[in-house]
């Protein structure tokens, strides 16, 4: 399990830099099979909602939107504060229009 988390973190860093190479390149780099590379990418898409696509021109997986992949514990109070701030900003944006 620990190894899988490390791979997701490493994949994320390479995807952010648009430097993964092909699935075969990524597999060689991590000494895993290309099918496992595709499984990890699929899990990142499905479980982490990461907007990942393979860009044939760049020969790399890339994020199709700006953002961050976040893995970690967040206590309820912090989440409530973040949601309140987001709500206030949304309301402010609506009032400006």
Protein backbone atom coordinates (compact mmCIF):
# COMPACT_ATOMS: atom_id res chain seq x y z
CA UNK A 1 0.00 0.00 0.00
CA UNK A 2 2.81 2.43 0.91
CA UNK A 3 4.45 1.80 -2.45
CA UNK A 4 1.20 2.64 -4.25
CA UNK A 5 0.93 5.99 -2.44
CA UNK A 6 4.53 6.77 -3.34
CA UNK A 7 3.79 5.99 -6.99
CA UNK A 8 0.71 8.24 -7.04
CA UNK A 9 2.75 11.08 -5.52
CA UNK A 10 5.58 10.52 -8.01
CA UNK A 11 3.17 10.22 -10.96
CA UNK A 12 1.51 13.47 -9.88
CA UNK A 13 4.85 15.30 -9.84
CA UNK A 14 5.72 14.03 -13.33
CA UNK A 15 2.26 14.81 -14.70
CA UNK A 16 2.47 18.37 -13.34
CA UNK A 17 5.77 18.79 -15.20
CA UNK A 18 4.34 17.09 -18.31
CA UNK A 19 7.29 14.72 -18.10
CA UNK A 20 5.89 11.21 -17.72
CA UNK A 21 6.91 9.93 -21.11
CA UNK A 22 4.85 7.17 -22.67
CA UNK A 23 3.15 4.51 -20.52
CA UNK A 24 6.03 2.17 -21.44
CA UNK A 25 8.60 4.81 -20.39
CA UNK A 26 6.80 5.34 -17.10
CA UNK A 27 6.65 1.58 -16.53
CA UNK A 28 10.41 1.23 -17.07
CA UNK A 29 11.12 4.19 -14.81
CA UNK A 30 9.19 2.61 -11.92
CA UNK A 31 10.00 -1.01 -12.80
CA UNK A 32 6.33 -1.90 -13.19
CA UNK A 33 4.19 -3.13 -16.08
CA UNK A 34 2.53 -0.74 -18.54
CA UNK A 35 -0.82 -2.21 -17.48
CA UNK A 36 -0.09 -1.20 -13.86
CA UNK A 37 0.77 2.32 -15.06
CA UNK A 38 -2.62 2.51 -16.77
CA UNK A 39 -4.34 1.15 -13.66
CA UNK A 40 -2.69 3.80 -11.44
CA UNK A 41 -3.68 6.56 -13.88
CA UNK A 42 -7.24 5.20 -14.01
CA UNK A 43 -7.40 5.18 -10.19
CA UNK A 44 -6.10 8.76 -10.06
CA UNK A 45 -8.87 9.75 -12.48
CA UNK A 46 -11.65 7.82 -10.77
CA UNK A 47 -10.76 8.07 -7.08
CA UNK A 48 -8.97 11.43 -6.96
CA UNK A 49 -11.03 13.01 -9.77
CA UNK A 50 -7.76 14.01 -11.44
CA UNK A 51 -8.38 15.36 -14.98
CA UNK A 52 -5.61 13.37 -16.65
CA UNK A 53 -5.22 12.76 -20.38
CA UNK A 54 -2.40 11.39 -22.46
CA UNK A 55 -1.02 14.05 -24.81
CA UNK A 56 0.47 12.35 -27.87
CA UNK A 57 2.31 15.50 -29.00
CA UNK A 58 4.08 15.89 -25.65
CA UNK A 59 4.34 12.11 -25.17
CA UNK A 60 3.20 12.60 -21.59
CA UNK A 61 0.21 12.36 -19.33
CA UNK A 62 -1.01 15.87 -18.54
CA UNK A 63 -3.60 17.56 -16.36
CA UNK A 64 -6.32 19.14 -18.47
CA UNK A 65 -7.13 21.71 -15.76
CA UNK A 66 -5.07 23.69 -13.27
CA UNK A 67 -5.29 22.35 -9.73
CA UNK A 68 -3.69 20.09 -7.18
CA UNK A 69 -4.00 16.46 -6.20
CA UNK A 70 -4.48 16.35 -2.48
CA UNK A 71 -3.99 13.25 -0.36
CA UNK A 72 -4.21 13.68 3.38
CA UNK A 73 -6.32 14.07 6.46
CA UNK A 74 -8.21 17.28 7.03
CA UNK A 75 -10.08 17.86 10.27
CA UNK A 76 -13.73 18.90 10.11
CA UNK A 77 -13.12 22.40 11.49
CA UNK A 78 -10.62 23.23 8.77
CA UNK A 79 -13.00 21.85 6.12
CA UNK A 80 -15.86 23.95 7.52
CA UNK A 81 -13.74 27.12 7.39
CA UNK A 82 -12.64 26.41 3.81
CA UNK A 83 -16.23 25.75 2.74
CA UNK A 84 -17.42 28.97 4.44
CA UNK A 85 -14.75 30.99 2.63
CA UNK A 86 -15.66 29.37 -0.71
CA UNK A 87 -19.34 30.15 -0.08
CA UNK A 88 -18.54 33.80 0.74
CA UNK A 89 -16.44 34.14 -2.42
CA UNK A 90 -19.19 32.56 -4.52
CA UNK A 91 -21.74 34.98 -3.07
CA UNK A 92 -19.41 37.92 -3.70
CA UNK A 93 -18.95 36.84 -7.31
CA UNK A 94 -22.71 36.61 -7.85
CA UNK A 95 -23.28 40.06 -6.33
CA UNK A 96 -20.73 41.67 -8.67
CA UNK A 97 -22.67 40.55 -11.76
